[in-house]
Amino acid sequence: MGRRLKGARRLKPSSLRSLRKGPGLLARQASASPVATPAVSRTLLGNFEESLLRGRFAPSGHIEGFTAEIGASGSYCPQHVTLPVTVTFFDVSEQNAPAPFLGVVDLNPLGRKGYSVPKMGTIQVTLFNPNQTVVKMFLVTFDFSDMPAAHVTFLRHRLFLVPVGEEGSASPTHRLLCYLLHLRFRSSRSGRLSLHGDIRLLFSRRSLELDTGLPYELQAVTEAPHNPRYSPLP
């Protein structure tokens, strides 16, 4: 993802003046009504998030200067590290959907062991734009105290806007995805846990503008794989 593609344009930090504050709309969940959001095809709704995370869309360009500060707390607190974020944007205007940013934090500069974290606790990832303004601070709690040695797993943390009163619903009618953080974990042969590979983020270029007249609030959802929860190292 870090390679610059031929024909893709690269934006300077000064071009970020149009990036508004506040959560943005990435995509409406497939169960949602088409009212008050951009028209997105059913096919895109089903694969939009995964396609972005896996790099299946051709990028329109890149933005330089984003960074991420990574930290953790639990039985011990590893030293915070700050790493560059490769930010790519996409043109999906043919689907009339807001074009999101994909941010990738390469953890390889930290060494083969990645970023060491306790077996349970909280991960903090703070995303900064080129002006060193906070875009979003993610706080994700986790418990991998039962994770066997030499295994891998992941967490996918999403932040949605949901109408007030539907927060407890398993499938709110107007749930909108604002931010996403994808973390990969690996336990060593000695059982030590670390973040490894990369950290991936999705966030929007646009502020969220809703005309439904409904009050919305943020809802955090963190998911992990099931059956199996952990997979052996290849």
C-alpha atoms as a PDB file:
ATOM      1  CA  MET A   1       0.000   0.000   0.000  1.00  0.00           C
ATOM      2  CA  GLY A   2       2.982   2.275   0.524  1.00  0.00           C
ATOM      3  CA  ARG A   3       3.962   2.292  -3.157  1.00  0.00           C
ATOM      4  CA  ARG A   4       3.036   5.269  -5.224  1.00  0.00           C
ATOM      5  CA  LEU A   5       1.011   4.136  -8.209  1.00  0.00           C
ATOM      6  CA  LYS A   6       1.623   5.556 -11.612  1.00  0.00           C
ATOM      7  CA  GLY A   7      -0.894   8.242 -12.407  1.00  0.00           C
ATOM      8  CA  ALA A   8      -1.956   8.700  -8.782  1.00  0.00           C
ATOM      9  CA  ARG A   9      -1.728  12.256  -7.554  1.00  0.00           C
ATOM     10  CA  ARG A  10      -0.084  13.264  -4.272  1.00  0.00           C
ATOM     11  CA  LEU A  11      -1.530  16.077  -2.159  1.00  0.00           C
ATOM     12  CA  LYS A  12       0.531  18.517  -0.138  1.00  0.00           C
ATOM     13  CA  PRO A  13      -0.429  19.302   3.462  1.00  0.00           C
ATOM     14  CA  SER A  14      -1.781  22.676   2.327  1.00  0.00           C
ATOM     15  CA  SER A  15      -4.416  20.810   0.327  1.00  0.00           C
ATOM     16  CA  LEU A  16      -5.971  19.578   3.560  1.00  0.00           C
ATOM     17  CA  ARG A  17      -7.776  22.832   4.281  1.00  0.00           C
ATOM     18  CA  SER A  18     -10.929  21.309   2.870  1.00  0.00           C
ATOM     19  CA  LEU A  19     -10.847  18.478   5.418  1.00  0.00           C
ATOM     20  CA  ARG A  20     -13.572  19.381   7.870  1.00  0.00           C
ATOM     21  CA  LYS A  21     -13.673  18.468  11.535  1.00  0.00           C
ATOM     22  CA  GLY A  22     -16.105  15.936  12.904  1.00  0.00           C
ATOM     23  CA  PRO A  23     -17.020  12.346  12.038  1.00  0.00           C
ATOM     24  CA  GLY A  24     -17.604  11.449   8.419  1.00  0.00           C
ATOM     25  CA  LEU A  25     -19.817   9.023   6.598  1.00  0.00           C
ATOM     26  CA  LEU A  26     -17.967   6.070   5.089  1.00  0.00           C
ATOM     27  CA  ALA A  27     -20.827   3.834   4.080  1.00  0.00           C
ATOM     28  CA  ARG A  28     -24.281   2.927   5.257  1.00  0.00           C
ATOM     29  CA  GLN A  29     -24.622  -0.622   6.532  1.00  0.00           C
ATOM     30  CA  ALA A  30     -26.394  -3.018   4.194  1.00  0.00           C
ATOM     31  CA  SER A  31     -29.418  -3.261   6.489  1.00  0.00           C
ATOM     32  CA  ALA A  32     -30.047   0.464   6.428  1.00  0.00           C
ATOM     33  CA  SER A  33     -32.688   2.405   4.551  1.00  0.00           C
ATOM     34  CA  PRO A  34     -31.520   4.529   1.575  1.00  0.00           C
ATOM     35  CA  VAL A  35     -33.123   7.660   3.063  1.00  0.00           C
ATOM     36  CA  ALA A  36     -30.830  10.622   3.795  1.00  0.00           C
ATOM     37  CA  THR A  37     -27.563   9.036   2.614  1.00  0.00           C
ATOM     38  CA  PRO A  38     -25.782   8.858  -0.731  1.00  0.00           C
ATOM     39  CA  ALA A  39     -27.073   6.199  -3.090  1.00  0.00           C
ATOM     40  CA  VAL A  40     -24.675   3.260  -2.931  1.00  0.00           C
ATOM     41  CA  SER A  41     -25.178   0.052  -4.869  1.00  0.00           C
ATOM     42  CA  ARG A  42     -25.992  -3.153  -2.948  1.00  0.00           C
ATOM     43  CA  THR A  43     -22.810  -4.772  -4.265  1.00  0.00           C
ATOM     44  CA  LEU A  44     -20.663  -1.947  -2.945  1.00  0.00           C
ATOM     45  CA  LEU A  45     -22.452  -2.009   0.396  1.00  0.00           C
ATOM     46  CA  GLY A  46     -21.620  -5.682   0.845  1.00  0.00           C
ATOM     47  CA  ASN A  47     -17.927  -5.353  -0.034  1.00  0.00           C
ATOM     48  CA  PHE A  48     -17.065  -1.688   0.491  1.00  0.00           C
ATOM     49  CA  GLU A  49     -15.287  -1.950   3.838  1.00  0.00           C
ATOM     50  CA  GLU A  50     -13.386  -5.148   3.069  1.00  0.00           C
ATOM     51  CA  SER A  51     -12.402  -3.970  -0.404  1.00  0.00           C
ATOM     52  CA  LEU A  52     -10.937  -0.764   1.000  1.00  0.00           C
ATOM     53  CA  LEU A  53      -9.007  -2.546   3.742  1.00  0.00           C
ATOM     54  CA  ARG A  54      -7.584  -5.079   1.281  1.00  0.00           C
ATOM     55  CA  GLY A  55      -6.649  -2.469  -1.332  1.00  0.00           C
ATOM     56  CA  ARG A  56      -9.025  -3.678  -4.033  1.00  0.00           C
ATOM     57  CA  PHE A  57      -9.926  -0.152  -5.171  1.00  0.00           C
ATOM     58  CA  ALA A  58      -7.451   1.702  -7.360  1.00  0.00           C
ATOM     59  CA  PRO A  59      -6.199   4.735  -5.383  1.00  0.00           C
ATOM     60  CA  SER A  60      -6.679   8.230  -6.761  1.00  0.00           C
ATOM     61  CA  GLY A  61      -3.743   9.641  -4.821  1.00  0.00           C
ATOM     62  CA  HIS A  62      -1.845   9.947  -1.572  1.00  0.00           C
ATOM     63  CA  ILE A  63      -1.467  12.506   1.209  1.00  0.00           C
ATOM     64  CA  GLU A  64       1.840  12.970   2.975  1.00  0.00           C
ATOM     65  CA  GLY A  65       2.424  13.936   6.583  1.00  0.00           C
ATOM     66  CA  PHE A  66      -0.061  11.887   8.608  1.00  0.00           C
ATOM     67  CA  THR A  67       1.305  10.190  11.735  1.00  0.00           C
ATOM     68  CA  ALA A  68      -0.050   7.853  14.422  1.00  0.00           C
ATOM     69  CA  GLU A  69       0.932   7.586  18.070  1.00  0.00           C
ATOM     70  CA  ILE A  70       0.537   4.058  19.435  1.00  0.00           C
ATOM     71  CA  GLY A  71       0.398   3.104  23.092  1.00  0.00           C
ATOM     72  CA  ALA A  72      -0.989   0.426  25.398  1.00  0.00           C
ATOM     73  CA  SER A  73      -1.749  -0.113  29.068  1.00  0.00           C
ATOM     74  CA  GLY A  74      -2.389  -3.135  31.261  1.00  0.00           C
ATOM     75  CA  SER A  75      -0.026  -5.225  33.394  1.00  0.00           C
ATOM     76  CA  TYR A  76       2.682  -2.959  31.988  1.00  0.00           C
ATOM     77  CA  CYS A  77       2.735   0.142  29.789  1.00  0.00           C
ATOM     78  CA  PRO A  78       5.018  -0.059  26.748  1.00  0.00           C
ATOM     79  CA  GLN A  79       6.625   3.148  25.556  1.00  0.00           C
ATOM     80  CA  HIS A  80       4.489   5.100  23.100  1.00  0.00           C
ATOM     81  CA  VAL A  81       5.786   5.196  19.537  1.00  0.00           C
ATOM     82  CA  THR A  82       4.952   7.550  16.667  1.00  0.00           C
ATOM     83  CA  LEU A  83       5.034   6.213  13.126  1.00  0.00           C
ATOM     84  CA  PRO A  84       4.170   7.620   9.687  1.00  0.00           C
ATOM     85  CA  VAL A  85       0.804   6.745   8.173  1.00  0.00           C
ATOM     86  CA  THR A  86       0.510   6.037   4.462  1.00  0.00           C
ATOM     87  CA  VAL A  87      -2.805   7.697   3.553  1.00  0.00           C
ATOM     88  CA  THR A  88      -4.547   6.880   0.298  1.00  0.00           C
ATOM     89  CA  PHE A  89      -7.772   8.342  -1.025  1.00  0.00           C
ATOM     90  CA  PHE A  90     -10.190   6.925  -3.568  1.00  0.00           C
ATOM     91  CA  ASP A  91     -12.604   8.233  -6.146  1.00  0.00           C
ATOM     92  CA  VAL A  92     -15.839   6.318  -5.871  1.00  0.00           C
ATOM     93  CA  SER A  93     -17.958   9.166  -7.175  1.00  0.00           C
ATOM     94  CA  GLU A  94     -19.497   6.877  -9.774  1.00  0.00           C
ATOM     95  CA  GLN A  95     -21.283   5.265  -6.828  1.00  0.00           C
ATOM     96  CA  ASN A  96     -22.189   8.721  -5.476  1.00  0.00           C
ATOM     97  CA  ALA A  97     -20.542   7.823  -2.167  1.00  0.00           C
ATOM     98  CA  PRO A  98     -18.136   9.918  -0.099  1.00  0.00           C
ATOM     99  CA  ALA A  99     -14.531   9.016  -0.863  1.00  0.00           C
ATOM    100  CA  PRO A 100     -12.850   7.742   2.311  1.00  0.00           C
ATOM    101  CA  PHE A 101      -9.212   7.725   3.356  1.00  0.00           C
ATOM    102  CA  LEU A 102      -7.337   4.496   4.016  1.00  0.00           C
ATOM    103  CA  GLY A 103      -4.486   4.859   6.488  1.00  0.00           C
ATOM    104  CA  VAL A 104      -1.826   2.156   6.876  1.00  0.00           C
ATOM    105  CA  VAL A 105       0.710   2.186   9.715  1.00  0.00           C
ATOM    106  CA  ASP A 106       3.637  -0.106   8.923  1.00  0.00           C
ATOM    107  CA  LEU A 107       4.930  -1.724  12.130  1.00  0.00           C
ATOM    108  CA  ASN A 108       7.984  -3.326  10.524  1.00  0.00           C
ATOM    109  CA  PRO A 109      10.299  -0.424  11.521  1.00  0.00           C
ATOM    110  CA  LEU A 110       9.769  -1.571  15.133  1.00  0.00           C
ATOM    111  CA  GLY A 111      11.511  -4.854  14.364  1.00  0.00           C
ATOM    112  CA  ARG A 112      10.468  -8.426  13.787  1.00  0.00           C
ATOM    113  CA  LYS A 113       8.652  -8.635  17.150  1.00  0.00           C
ATOM    114  CA  GLY A 114       6.337  -5.708  16.373  1.00  0.00           C
ATOM    115  CA  TYR A 115       4.878  -3.558  19.166  1.00  0.00           C
ATOM    116  CA  SER A 116       4.781  -5.478  22.449  1.00  0.00           C
ATOM    117  CA  VAL A 117       1.529  -5.198  24.458  1.00  0.00           C
ATOM    118  CA  PRO A 118       0.163  -6.859  27.625  1.00  0.00           C
ATOM    119  CA  LYS A 119      -2.147  -9.866  27.355  1.00  0.00           C
ATOM    120  CA  MET A 120      -5.118  -7.714  28.340  1.00  0.00           C
ATOM    121  CA  GLY A 121      -5.664  -3.995  28.610  1.00  0.00           C
ATOM    122  CA  THR A 122      -6.238  -1.041  26.286  1.00  0.00           C
ATOM    123  CA  ILE A 123      -4.709  -0.057  22.948  1.00  0.00           C
ATOM    124  CA  GLN A 124      -4.568   3.647  22.129  1.00  0.00           C
ATOM    125  CA  VAL A 125      -4.025   4.849  18.568  1.00  0.00           C
ATOM    126  CA  THR A 126      -4.093   8.604  17.926  1.00  0.00           C
ATOM    127  CA  LEU A 127      -4.182   9.760  14.309  1.00  0.00           C
ATOM    128  CA  PHE A 128      -2.680  13.167  13.479  1.00  0.00           C
ATOM    129  CA  ASN A 129      -3.008  15.097  10.215  1.00  0.00           C
ATOM    130  CA  PRO A 130      -0.003  16.868   8.596  1.00  0.00           C
ATOM    131  CA  ASN A 131      -0.709  19.957  10.730  1.00  0.00           C
ATOM    132  CA  GLN A 132      -0.302  17.760  13.835  1.00  0.00           C
ATOM    133  CA  THR A 133      -3.975  18.184  14.700  1.00  0.00           C
ATOM    134  CA  VAL A 134      -5.718  15.146  16.170  1.00  0.00           C
ATOM    135  CA  VAL A 135      -8.054  13.552  13.637  1.00  0.00           C
ATOM    136  CA  LYS A 136      -9.220  10.755  15.952  1.00  0.00           C
ATOM    137  CA  MET A 137      -8.126   8.999  19.136  1.00  0.00           C
ATOM    138  CA  PHE A 138      -9.068   5.306  19.252  1.00  0.00           C
ATOM    139  CA  LEU A 139      -9.266   3.446  22.570  1.00  0.00           C
ATOM    140  CA  VAL A 140      -9.791  -0.305  22.244  1.00  0.00           C
ATOM    141  CA  THR A 141      -9.980  -2.698  25.199  1.00  0.00           C
ATOM    142  CA  PHE A 142      -8.903  -6.310  24.687  1.00  0.00           C
ATOM    143  CA  ASP A 143      -8.401  -9.567  26.595  1.00  0.00           C
ATOM    144  CA  PHE A 144      -6.218 -12.244  25.020  1.00  0.00           C
ATOM    145  CA  SER A 145      -5.153 -13.831  28.300  1.00  0.00           C
ATOM    146  CA  ASP A 146      -6.211 -17.241  26.960  1.00  0.00           C
ATOM    147  CA  MET A 147      -4.324 -16.883  23.650  1.00  0.00           C
ATOM    148  CA  PRO A 148      -1.951 -19.831  23.062  1.00  0.00           C
ATOM    149  CA  ALA A 149       1.676 -19.281  22.086  1.00  0.00           C
ATOM    150  CA  ALA A 150       2.479 -18.974  18.367  1.00  0.00           C
ATOM    151  CA  HIS A 151      -1.004 -17.859  17.316  1.00  0.00           C
ATOM    152  CA  VAL A 152      -2.559 -14.836  15.608  1.00  0.00           C
ATOM    153  CA  THR A 153      -5.864 -12.988  15.775  1.00  0.00           C
ATOM    154  CA  PHE A 154      -7.299  -9.524  15.102  1.00  0.00           C
ATOM    155  CA  LEU A 155      -9.713  -6.897  16.392  1.00  0.00           C
ATOM    156  CA  ARG A 156     -11.833  -4.642  14.213  1.00  0.00           C
ATOM    157  CA  HIS A 157     -13.080  -1.563  16.049  1.00  0.00           C
ATOM    158  CA  ARG A 158     -15.833   0.515  14.442  1.00  0.00           C
ATOM    159  CA  LEU A 159     -17.475   3.761  15.467  1.00  0.00           C
ATOM    160  CA  PHE A 160     -21.033   4.276  14.229  1.00  0.00           C
ATOM    161  CA  LEU A 161     -23.526   7.089  14.454  1.00  0.00           C
ATOM    162  CA  VAL A 162     -26.881   5.672  15.494  1.00  0.00           C
ATOM    163  CA  PRO A 163     -30.184   7.412  16.238  1.00  0.00           C
ATOM    164  CA  VAL A 164     -30.785   8.080  19.918  1.00  0.00           C
ATOM    165  CA  GLY A 165     -32.960   5.270  21.237  1.00  0.00           C
ATOM    166  CA  GLU A 166     -31.533   2.628  18.870  1.00  0.00           C
ATOM    167  CA  GLU A 167     -28.127   2.264  20.575  1.00  0.00           C
ATOM    168  CA  GLY A 168     -28.997  -1.156  21.976  1.00  0.00           C
ATOM    169  CA  SER A 169     -30.443  -2.512  18.741  1.00  0.00           C
ATOM    170  CA  ALA A 170     -28.473  -5.264  17.017  1.00  0.00           C
ATOM    171  CA  SER A 171     -29.220  -3.681  13.632  1.00  0.00           C
ATOM    172  CA  PRO A 172     -30.197   0.003  13.943  1.00  0.00           C
ATOM    173  CA  THR A 173     -32.180   1.329  11.011  1.00  0.00           C
ATOM    174  CA  HIS A 174     -29.942   4.321  10.262  1.00  0.00           C
ATOM    175  CA  ARG A 175     -26.527   3.152  11.497  1.00  0.00           C
ATOM    176  CA  LEU A 176     -23.678   5.028   9.799  1.00  0.00           C
ATOM    177  CA  LEU A 177     -20.009   4.010   9.883  1.00  0.00           C
ATOM    178  CA  CYS A 178     -17.714   6.911  10.850  1.00  0.00           C
ATOM    179  CA  TYR A 179     -14.331   5.360  11.694  1.00  0.00           C
ATOM    180  CA  LEU A 180     -12.693   1.953  11.597  1.00  0.00           C
ATOM    181  CA  LEU A 181      -9.491   0.601  13.184  1.00  0.00           C
ATOM    182  CA  HIS A 182      -8.099  -2.844  12.311  1.00  0.00           C
ATOM    183  CA  LEU A 183      -5.474  -4.327  14.685  1.00  0.00           C
ATOM    184  CA  ARG A 184      -3.531  -7.568  14.185  1.00  0.00           C
ATOM    185  CA  PHE A 185      -2.110  -9.465  17.158  1.00  0.00           C
ATOM    186  CA  ARG A 186       0.482 -12.236  17.353  1.00  0.00           C
ATOM    187  CA  SER A 187       1.739 -14.307  20.261  1.00  0.00           C
ATOM    188  CA  SER A 188       5.366 -15.433  20.090  1.00  0.00           C
ATOM    189  CA  ARG A 189       6.546 -18.977  20.757  1.00  0.00           C
ATOM    190  CA  SER A 190       7.312 -17.816  24.291  1.00  0.00           C
ATOM    191  CA  GLY A 191       3.755 -16.459  24.646  1.00  0.00           C
ATOM    192  CA  ARG A 192       4.484 -12.702  24.479  1.00  0.00           C
ATOM    193  CA  LEU A 193       1.786 -10.677  22.723  1.00  0.00           C
ATOM    194  CA  SER A 194       2.397  -7.936  20.165  1.00  0.00           C
ATOM    195  CA  LEU A 195       0.776  -5.884  17.443  1.00  0.00           C
ATOM    196  CA  HIS A 196       2.334  -6.987  14.171  1.00  0.00           C
ATOM    197  CA  GLY A 197       2.279  -6.348  10.430  1.00  0.00           C
ATOM    198  CA  ASP A 198       0.351  -3.111  10.153  1.00  0.00           C
ATOM    199  CA  ILE A 199      -2.530  -1.103  11.563  1.00  0.00           C
ATOM    200  CA  ARG A 200      -5.269  -0.068   9.141  1.00  0.00           C
ATOM    201  CA  LEU A 201      -7.724   2.793   9.522  1.00  0.00           C
ATOM    202  CA  LEU A 202     -10.683   4.098   7.559  1.00  0.00           C
ATOM    203  CA  PHE A 203     -11.883   7.663   8.009  1.00  0.00           C
ATOM    204  CA  SER A 204     -13.873  10.072   5.889  1.00  0.00           C
ATOM    205  CA  ARG A 205     -12.899  13.211   3.988  1.00  0.00           C
ATOM    206  CA  ARG A 206     -16.291  14.783   4.583  1.00  0.00           C
ATOM    207  CA  SER A 207     -18.119  16.034   7.620  1.00  0.00           C
ATOM    208  CA  LEU A 208     -21.319  14.210   8.395  1.00  0.00           C
ATOM    209  CA  GLU A 209     -24.382  16.077   7.247  1.00  0.00           C
ATOM    210  CA  LEU A 210     -27.707  14.460   7.993  1.00  0.00           C
ATOM    211  CA  ASP A 211     -31.070  15.883   7.016  1.00  0.00           C
ATOM    212  CA  THR A 212     -33.229  13.327   8.828  1.00  0.00           C
ATOM    213  CA  GLY A 213     -33.818  15.595  11.814  1.00  0.00           C
ATOM    214  CA  LEU A 214     -33.009  12.628  14.084  1.00  0.00           C
ATOM    215  CA  PRO A 215     -30.565  13.033  17.010  1.00  0.00           C
ATOM    216  CA  TYR A 216     -27.553  10.747  16.606  1.00  0.00           C
ATOM    217  CA  GLU A 217     -24.827   9.581  18.976  1.00  0.00           C
ATOM    218  CA  LEU A 218     -21.658   7.512  18.667  1.00  0.00           C
ATOM    219  CA  GLN A 219     -21.687   3.758  19.231  1.00  0.00           C
ATOM    220  CA  ALA A 220     -18.483   1.705  19.450  1.00  0.00           C
ATOM    221  CA  VAL A 221     -18.434  -1.920  18.273  1.00  0.00           C
ATOM    222  CA  THR A 222     -15.355  -4.160  18.552  1.00  0.00           C
ATOM    223  CA  GLU A 223     -15.327  -7.551  16.832  1.00  0.00           C
ATOM    224  CA  ALA A 224     -12.921 -10.486  16.824  1.00  0.00           C
ATOM    225  CA  PRO A 225     -12.920 -13.728  14.835  1.00  0.00           C
ATOM    226  CA  HIS A 226     -14.932 -16.721  16.061  1.00  0.00           C
ATOM    227  CA  ASN A 227     -14.492 -20.448  15.548  1.00  0.00           C
ATOM    228  CA  PRO A 228     -11.576 -20.256  15.798  1.00  0.00           C
ATOM    229  CA  ARG A 229     -10.790 -17.138  17.776  1.00  0.00           C
ATOM    230  CA  TYR A 230      -7.056 -17.805  17.380  1.00  0.00           C
ATOM    231  CA  SER A 231      -5.184 -19.303  14.422  1.00  0.00           C
ATOM    232  CA  PRO A 232      -1.758 -20.941  14.550  1.00  0.00           C
ATOM    233  CA  LEU A 233       1.171 -19.115  13.001  1.00  0.00           C
ATOM    234  CA  PRO A 234       1.724 -20.230   9.397  1.00  0.00           C
END
